[in-house]
Amino acid sequence: MAGSTYGTAFSITTWGESHGPAIGAVIDGCPAGLTLSEEDIQRFLDRRKPGQNKYTTARNESDKIEILSGVFEGKTTGTPISLMVRNQDQRSRDYGRIRECYRPGQADYTFDAKYGFRDYRGGRSSGRETIGRVAAGAVASKLLLKLGIRITAYTKAIGNIEVPESDYDYGCILTNPLYMPNNSYAEAAADYLDNCIHKQDSSG
């Protein structure tokens, strides 16, 4: 199986499964002295938290981050930083009906085809696995900010609704549920998704 560790000077290892007790990441290579709190990471996780609107999974999770190591008195120590989010809504029985079929929009089929093994509940092929990446990204983002580098993430396109760069308004990103840099395009994309939902379809 491919590894779950990324990076060299600043490396992250993600761990955990969608329906295990917890999921998270270990960061190695973060220098000592960086001011870091759980709140710094939580605001990033809150953006990806499920159940926020009808376009996200209805799974009921608080996604509360815990820093287990690598931080002392609000500063990084230069040792590995272990981050964890406990799973609260891991009801495996909800997935029994899809034991024999693959979930659309997930990595079930590709995981099975590549590794010859499938956890039909999601396991590592679930979107929930992104928690470790988001949490580690929050730390990396704060480190980069000290170097004058700011990262801005947004949704450029959904289906055939794409925001032209000439119409970008970065101030809109956090004001619509789809995180698009233009509210008019976000409304059009919402209509498109509503139609998909009505037809019981999905948009890749």
C-alpha atoms as a PDB file:
ATOM      1  CA  MET A   1       0.000   0.000   0.000  1.00  0.00           C
ATOM      2  CA  ALA A   2       1.108   3.564  -0.661  1.00  0.00           C
ATOM      3  CA  GLY A   3       2.384   5.444   2.360  1.00  0.00           C
ATOM      4  CA  SER A   4       0.429   7.929   4.436  1.00  0.00           C
ATOM      5  CA  THR A   5       3.388  10.269   5.022  1.00  0.00           C
ATOM      6  CA  TYR A   6       3.914  13.391   2.915  1.00  0.00           C
ATOM      7  CA  GLY A   7       6.721  15.938   2.806  1.00  0.00           C
ATOM      8  CA  THR A   8      10.360  15.957   3.834  1.00  0.00           C
ATOM      9  CA  ALA A   9      11.465  19.029   5.823  1.00  0.00           C
ATOM     10  CA  PHE A  10       7.878  19.443   7.078  1.00  0.00           C
ATOM     11  CA  SER A  11       6.203  16.036   6.977  1.00  0.00           C
ATOM     12  CA  ILE A  12       2.736  14.854   7.965  1.00  0.00           C
ATOM     13  CA  THR A  13       1.513  11.341   8.598  1.00  0.00           C
ATOM     14  CA  THR A  14      -2.254  10.872   8.609  1.00  0.00           C
ATOM     15  CA  TRP A  15      -3.844   8.041  10.577  1.00  0.00           C
ATOM     16  CA  GLY A  16      -7.206   6.587  11.564  1.00  0.00           C
ATOM     17  CA  GLU A  17     -10.367   5.402   9.844  1.00  0.00           C
ATOM     18  CA  SER A  18     -13.769   6.917   9.274  1.00  0.00           C
ATOM     19  CA  HIS A  19     -15.435   4.521  11.730  1.00  0.00           C
ATOM     20  CA  GLY A  20     -12.597   3.947  14.162  1.00  0.00           C
ATOM     21  CA  PRO A  21     -12.334   5.691  17.536  1.00  0.00           C
ATOM     22  CA  ALA A  22     -10.390   8.678  16.184  1.00  0.00           C
ATOM     23  CA  ILE A  23      -8.593  10.182  13.211  1.00  0.00           C
ATOM     24  CA  GLY A  24      -5.684  12.601  12.989  1.00  0.00           C
ATOM     25  CA  ALA A  25      -2.142  13.446  11.949  1.00  0.00           C
ATOM     26  CA  VAL A  26       1.421  13.653  13.214  1.00  0.00           C
ATOM     27  CA  ILE A  27       3.560  16.568  12.050  1.00  0.00           C
ATOM     28  CA  ASP A  28       7.344  16.283  12.097  1.00  0.00           C
ATOM     29  CA  GLY A  29       9.670  19.152  11.215  1.00  0.00           C
ATOM     30  CA  CYS A  30       7.748  22.105  12.628  1.00  0.00           C
ATOM     31  CA  PRO A  31      10.304  24.416  14.240  1.00  0.00           C
ATOM     32  CA  ALA A  32      10.178  25.320  17.914  1.00  0.00           C
ATOM     33  CA  GLY A  33       8.705  28.603  19.077  1.00  0.00           C
ATOM     34  CA  LEU A  34       5.656  28.839  16.795  1.00  0.00           C
ATOM     35  CA  THR A  35       2.632  30.091  18.704  1.00  0.00           C
ATOM     36  CA  LEU A  36      -0.023  27.396  18.315  1.00  0.00           C
ATOM     37  CA  SER A  37      -3.316  26.627  19.999  1.00  0.00           C
ATOM     38  CA  GLU A  38      -6.199  24.246  19.384  1.00  0.00           C
ATOM     39  CA  GLU A  39      -8.272  27.284  18.366  1.00  0.00           C
ATOM     40  CA  ASP A  40      -5.810  28.020  15.525  1.00  0.00           C
ATOM     41  CA  ILE A  41      -6.546  24.587  14.076  1.00  0.00           C
ATOM     42  CA  GLN A  42     -10.229  24.412  15.006  1.00  0.00           C
ATOM     43  CA  ARG A  43     -11.258  27.291  12.752  1.00  0.00           C
ATOM     44  CA  PHE A  44      -9.915  25.370   9.736  1.00  0.00           C
ATOM     45  CA  LEU A  45     -11.695  22.176  10.790  1.00  0.00           C
ATOM     46  CA  ASP A  46     -14.933  24.088  11.310  1.00  0.00           C
ATOM     47  CA  ARG A  47     -14.923  24.942   7.604  1.00  0.00           C
ATOM     48  CA  ARG A  48     -14.903  21.263   6.621  1.00  0.00           C
ATOM     49  CA  LYS A  49     -17.121  20.027   9.476  1.00  0.00           C
ATOM     50  CA  PRO A  50     -20.077  17.853   8.374  1.00  0.00           C
ATOM     51  CA  GLY A  51     -23.703  18.821   8.868  1.00  0.00           C
ATOM     52  CA  GLN A  52     -23.264  22.553   8.190  1.00  0.00           C
ATOM     53  CA  ASN A  53     -25.725  22.682   5.308  1.00  0.00           C
ATOM     54  CA  LYS A  54     -27.651  20.430   2.918  1.00  0.00           C
ATOM     55  CA  TYR A  55     -24.651  20.119   0.599  1.00  0.00           C
ATOM     56  CA  THR A  56     -22.490  18.324   3.151  1.00  0.00           C
ATOM     57  CA  THR A  57     -22.777  14.937   4.818  1.00  0.00           C
ATOM     58  CA  ALA A  58     -25.392  14.756   7.560  1.00  0.00           C
ATOM     59  CA  ARG A  59     -23.033  12.856   9.860  1.00  0.00           C
ATOM     60  CA  ASN A  60     -23.159  14.489  13.292  1.00  0.00           C
ATOM     61  CA  GLU A  61     -19.595  15.299  14.356  1.00  0.00           C
ATOM     62  CA  SER A  62     -18.146  18.164  16.393  1.00  0.00           C
ATOM     63  CA  ASP A  63     -14.657  17.607  14.928  1.00  0.00           C
ATOM     64  CA  LYS A  64     -13.068  18.899  18.132  1.00  0.00           C
ATOM     65  CA  ILE A  65      -9.287  18.985  17.759  1.00  0.00           C
ATOM     66  CA  GLU A  66      -6.937  17.832  20.505  1.00  0.00           C
ATOM     67  CA  ILE A  67      -3.195  18.554  20.540  1.00  0.00           C
ATOM     68  CA  LEU A  68      -1.553  15.542  22.172  1.00  0.00           C
ATOM     69  CA  SER A  69       2.123  16.472  21.892  1.00  0.00           C
ATOM     70  CA  GLY A  70       4.642  18.952  20.541  1.00  0.00           C
ATOM     71  CA  VAL A  71       3.216  22.097  22.167  1.00  0.00           C
ATOM     72  CA  PHE A  72       4.104  23.519  25.590  1.00  0.00           C
ATOM     73  CA  GLU A  73       2.692  26.715  27.070  1.00  0.00           C
ATOM     74  CA  GLY A  74       1.259  27.737  23.701  1.00  0.00           C
ATOM     75  CA  LYS A  75       4.500  27.253  21.733  1.00  0.00           C
ATOM     76  CA  THR A  76       5.703  24.411  19.526  1.00  0.00           C
ATOM     77  CA  THR A  77       8.654  22.529  21.005  1.00  0.00           C
ATOM     78  CA  GLY A  78      10.226  21.324  17.743  1.00  0.00           C
ATOM     79  CA  THR A  79       9.209  17.729  18.486  1.00  0.00           C
ATOM     80  CA  PRO A  80       6.453  15.825  16.619  1.00  0.00           C
ATOM     81  CA  ILE A  81       3.021  17.404  16.938  1.00  0.00           C
ATOM     82  CA  SER A  82       0.263  14.815  17.316  1.00  0.00           C
ATOM     83  CA  LEU A  83      -3.269  15.963  16.477  1.00  0.00           C
ATOM     84  CA  MET A  84      -6.449  13.986  17.078  1.00  0.00           C
ATOM     85  CA  VAL A  85     -10.192  14.279  16.426  1.00  0.00           C
ATOM     86  CA  ARG A  86     -12.409  11.681  18.090  1.00  0.00           C
ATOM     87  CA  ASN A  87     -15.172  10.115  15.998  1.00  0.00           C
ATOM     88  CA  GLN A  88     -18.551  10.459  17.683  1.00  0.00           C
ATOM     89  CA  ASP A  89     -21.018   9.269  15.030  1.00  0.00           C
ATOM     90  CA  GLN A  90     -19.334   6.087  13.767  1.00  0.00           C
ATOM     91  CA  ARG A  91     -22.515   4.029  13.317  1.00  0.00           C
ATOM     92  CA  SER A  92     -21.239   1.206  11.140  1.00  0.00           C
ATOM     93  CA  ARG A  93     -24.719  -0.332  10.907  1.00  0.00           C
ATOM     94  CA  ASP A  94     -25.781   2.634   8.738  1.00  0.00           C
ATOM     95  CA  TYR A  95     -23.478   1.297   6.023  1.00  0.00           C
ATOM     96  CA  GLY A  96     -24.748  -2.291   5.975  1.00  0.00           C
ATOM     97  CA  ARG A  97     -27.001  -1.646   3.003  1.00  0.00           C
ATOM     98  CA  ILE A  98     -24.023  -0.685   0.801  1.00  0.00           C
ATOM     99  CA  ARG A  99     -21.926  -3.711   1.728  1.00  0.00           C
ATOM    100  CA  GLU A 100     -22.341  -5.021  -1.821  1.00  0.00           C
ATOM    101  CA  CYS A 101     -22.117  -1.782  -3.800  1.00  0.00           C
ATOM    102  CA  TYR A 102     -19.699   1.134  -4.097  1.00  0.00           C
ATOM    103  CA  ARG A 103     -20.550   4.606  -2.854  1.00  0.00           C
ATOM    104  CA  PRO A 104     -20.669   7.369  -5.498  1.00  0.00           C
ATOM    105  CA  GLY A 105     -18.233  10.229  -4.957  1.00  0.00           C
ATOM    106  CA  GLN A 106     -15.983   8.146  -2.695  1.00  0.00           C
ATOM    107  CA  ALA A 107     -12.811   6.134  -3.260  1.00  0.00           C
ATOM    108  CA  ASP A 108     -14.385   2.740  -2.509  1.00  0.00           C
ATOM    109  CA  TYR A 109     -13.934   1.254  -5.974  1.00  0.00           C
ATOM    110  CA  THR A 110     -10.436   2.606  -6.616  1.00  0.00           C
ATOM    111  CA  PHE A 111      -9.256   1.476  -3.158  1.00  0.00           C
ATOM    112  CA  ASP A 112     -10.619  -2.015  -3.771  1.00  0.00           C
ATOM    113  CA  ALA A 113      -9.178  -2.186  -7.306  1.00  0.00           C
ATOM    114  CA  LYS A 114      -5.743  -1.011  -6.201  1.00  0.00           C
ATOM    115  CA  TYR A 115      -5.305  -2.873  -2.903  1.00  0.00           C
ATOM    116  CA  GLY A 116      -7.761  -5.769  -3.161  1.00  0.00           C
ATOM    117  CA  PHE A 117      -9.401  -4.834   0.136  1.00  0.00           C
ATOM    118  CA  ARG A 118     -12.524  -2.841   0.923  1.00  0.00           C
ATOM    119  CA  ASP A 119     -13.889  -1.457   4.180  1.00  0.00           C
ATOM    120  CA  TYR A 120     -17.466  -0.763   3.070  1.00  0.00           C
ATOM    121  CA  ARG A 121     -17.933   1.712   5.941  1.00  0.00           C
ATOM    122  CA  GLY A 122     -15.376   4.012   4.351  1.00  0.00           C
ATOM    123  CA  GLY A 123     -12.211   3.323   6.309  1.00  0.00           C
ATOM    124  CA  ARG A 124      -9.331   5.228   4.711  1.00  0.00           C
ATOM    125  CA  SER A 125     -11.292   5.783   1.487  1.00  0.00           C
ATOM    126  CA  SER A 126     -13.730   8.124   3.247  1.00  0.00           C
ATOM    127  CA  GLY A 127     -13.806  11.899   2.910  1.00  0.00           C
ATOM    128  CA  ARG A 128     -13.427  12.000   6.692  1.00  0.00           C
ATOM    129  CA  GLU A 129      -9.771  11.047   6.204  1.00  0.00           C
ATOM    130  CA  THR A 130      -9.167  14.664   5.115  1.00  0.00           C
ATOM    131  CA  ILE A 131      -9.345  15.773   8.766  1.00  0.00           C
ATOM    132  CA  GLY A 132      -5.667  14.987   9.324  1.00  0.00           C
ATOM    133  CA  ARG A 133      -4.662  16.915   6.223  1.00  0.00           C
ATOM    134  CA  VAL A 134      -6.738  19.943   7.152  1.00  0.00           C
ATOM    135  CA  ALA A 135      -5.392  19.992  10.711  1.00  0.00           C
ATOM    136  CA  ALA A 136      -1.784  19.718   9.517  1.00  0.00           C
ATOM    137  CA  GLY A 137      -2.482  22.326   6.851  1.00  0.00           C
ATOM    138  CA  ALA A 138      -3.642  24.725   9.544  1.00  0.00           C
ATOM    139  CA  VAL A 139      -0.246  24.430  11.254  1.00  0.00           C
ATOM    140  CA  ALA A 140       1.610  24.798   7.951  1.00  0.00           C
ATOM    141  CA  SER A 141      -0.508  27.848   7.091  1.00  0.00           C
ATOM    142  CA  LYS A 142       0.426  29.535  10.363  1.00  0.00           C
ATOM    143  CA  LEU A 143       4.099  28.762   9.792  1.00  0.00           C
ATOM    144  CA  LEU A 144       3.959  30.179   6.254  1.00  0.00           C
ATOM    145  CA  LEU A 145       2.221  33.317   7.517  1.00  0.00           C
ATOM    146  CA  LYS A 146       5.340  34.082   9.562  1.00  0.00           C
ATOM    147  CA  LEU A 147       7.196  34.111   6.233  1.00  0.00           C
ATOM    148  CA  GLY A 148       4.677  36.511   4.700  1.00  0.00           C
ATOM    149  CA  ILE A 149       2.894  33.806   2.705  1.00  0.00           C
ATOM    150  CA  ARG A 150      -0.910  33.705   2.958  1.00  0.00           C
ATOM    151  CA  ILE A 151      -2.972  30.783   1.655  1.00  0.00           C
ATOM    152  CA  THR A 152      -6.536  31.331   0.409  1.00  0.00           C
ATOM    153  CA  ALA A 153      -8.693  28.333  -0.541  1.00  0.00           C
ATOM    154  CA  TYR A 154     -11.977  28.502  -2.408  1.00  0.00           C
ATOM    155  CA  THR A 155     -14.264  26.579  -4.750  1.00  0.00           C
ATOM    156  CA  LYS A 156     -13.572  27.634  -8.322  1.00  0.00           C
ATOM    157  CA  ALA A 157     -16.185  25.476 -10.073  1.00  0.00           C
ATOM    158  CA  ILE A 158     -19.076  23.132  -9.339  1.00  0.00           C
ATOM    159  CA  GLY A 159     -20.418  21.208 -12.315  1.00  0.00           C
ATOM    160  CA  ASN A 160     -20.496  23.650 -15.227  1.00  0.00           C
ATOM    161  CA  ILE A 161     -20.673  26.693 -12.928  1.00  0.00           C
ATOM    162  CA  GLU A 162     -17.194  28.255 -12.924  1.00  0.00           C
ATOM    163  CA  VAL A 163     -16.217  31.642 -11.518  1.00  0.00           C
ATOM    164  CA  PRO A 164     -14.048  33.611 -13.995  1.00  0.00           C
ATOM    165  CA  GLU A 165     -10.948  35.075 -12.373  1.00  0.00           C
ATOM    166  CA  SER A 166     -12.099  38.541 -13.447  1.00  0.00           C
ATOM    167  CA  ASP A 167     -15.142  38.141 -11.168  1.00  0.00           C
ATOM    168  CA  TYR A 168     -13.306  36.943  -8.056  1.00  0.00           C
ATOM    169  CA  ASP A 169     -14.230  38.640  -4.782  1.00  0.00           C
ATOM    170  CA  TYR A 170     -12.220  36.961  -2.045  1.00  0.00           C
ATOM    171  CA  GLY A 171     -14.368  38.653   0.593  1.00  0.00           C
ATOM    172  CA  CYS A 172     -17.290  36.436  -0.487  1.00  0.00           C
ATOM    173  CA  ILE A 173     -15.609  33.099   0.184  1.00  0.00           C
ATOM    174  CA  LEU A 174     -16.804  32.736   3.775  1.00  0.00           C
ATOM    175  CA  THR A 175     -20.231  34.273   3.144  1.00  0.00           C
ATOM    176  CA  ASN A 176     -21.776  31.438   1.112  1.00  0.00           C
ATOM    177  CA  PRO A 177     -22.072  27.719   1.965  1.00  0.00           C
ATOM    178  CA  LEU A 178     -20.123  26.629  -1.113  1.00  0.00           C
ATOM    179  CA  TYR A 179     -17.061  28.827  -0.401  1.00  0.00           C
ATOM    180  CA  MET A 180     -17.054  30.368  -3.879  1.00  0.00           C
ATOM    181  CA  PRO A 181     -15.375  33.760  -4.510  1.00  0.00           C
ATOM    182  CA  ASN A 182     -18.567  35.247  -5.966  1.00  0.00           C
ATOM    183  CA  ASN A 183     -22.017  35.036  -4.382  1.00  0.00           C
ATOM    184  CA  SER A 184     -23.908  35.204  -7.685  1.00  0.00           C
ATOM    185  CA  TYR A 185     -22.061  32.177  -9.012  1.00  0.00           C
ATOM    186  CA  ALA A 186     -22.519  30.467  -5.637  1.00  0.00           C
ATOM    187  CA  GLU A 187     -26.301  30.912  -5.971  1.00  0.00           C
ATOM    188  CA  ALA A 188     -26.208  29.410  -9.477  1.00  0.00           C
ATOM    189  CA  ALA A 189     -24.098  26.504  -8.218  1.00  0.00           C
ATOM    190  CA  ALA A 190     -26.549  25.964  -5.345  1.00  0.00           C
ATOM    191  CA  ASP A 191     -29.423  25.753  -7.858  1.00  0.00           C
ATOM    192  CA  TYR A 192     -27.400  23.247  -9.872  1.00  0.00           C
ATOM    193  CA  LEU A 193     -26.769  21.097  -6.787  1.00  0.00           C
ATOM    194  CA  ASP A 194     -30.409  21.347  -5.711  1.00  0.00           C
ATOM    195  CA  ASN A 195     -31.343  19.921  -9.099  1.00  0.00           C
ATOM    196  CA  CYS A 196     -28.835  17.098  -8.618  1.00  0.00           C
ATOM    197  CA  ILE A 197     -30.324  16.349  -5.215  1.00  0.00           C
ATOM    198  CA  HIS A 198     -33.843  16.349  -6.679  1.00  0.00           C
ATOM    199  CA  LYS A 199     -32.735  13.818  -9.307  1.00  0.00           C
ATOM    200  CA  GLN A 200     -30.842  11.811  -6.642  1.00  0.00           C
ATOM    201  CA  ASP A 201     -27.679  12.447  -8.624  1.00  0.00           C
ATOM    202  CA  SER A 202     -24.234  13.748  -7.683  1.00  0.00           C
ATOM    203  CA  SER A 203     -21.711  16.173  -9.128  1.00  0.00           C
ATOM    204  CA  GLY A 204     -18.105  14.979  -9.318  1.00  0.00           C
END
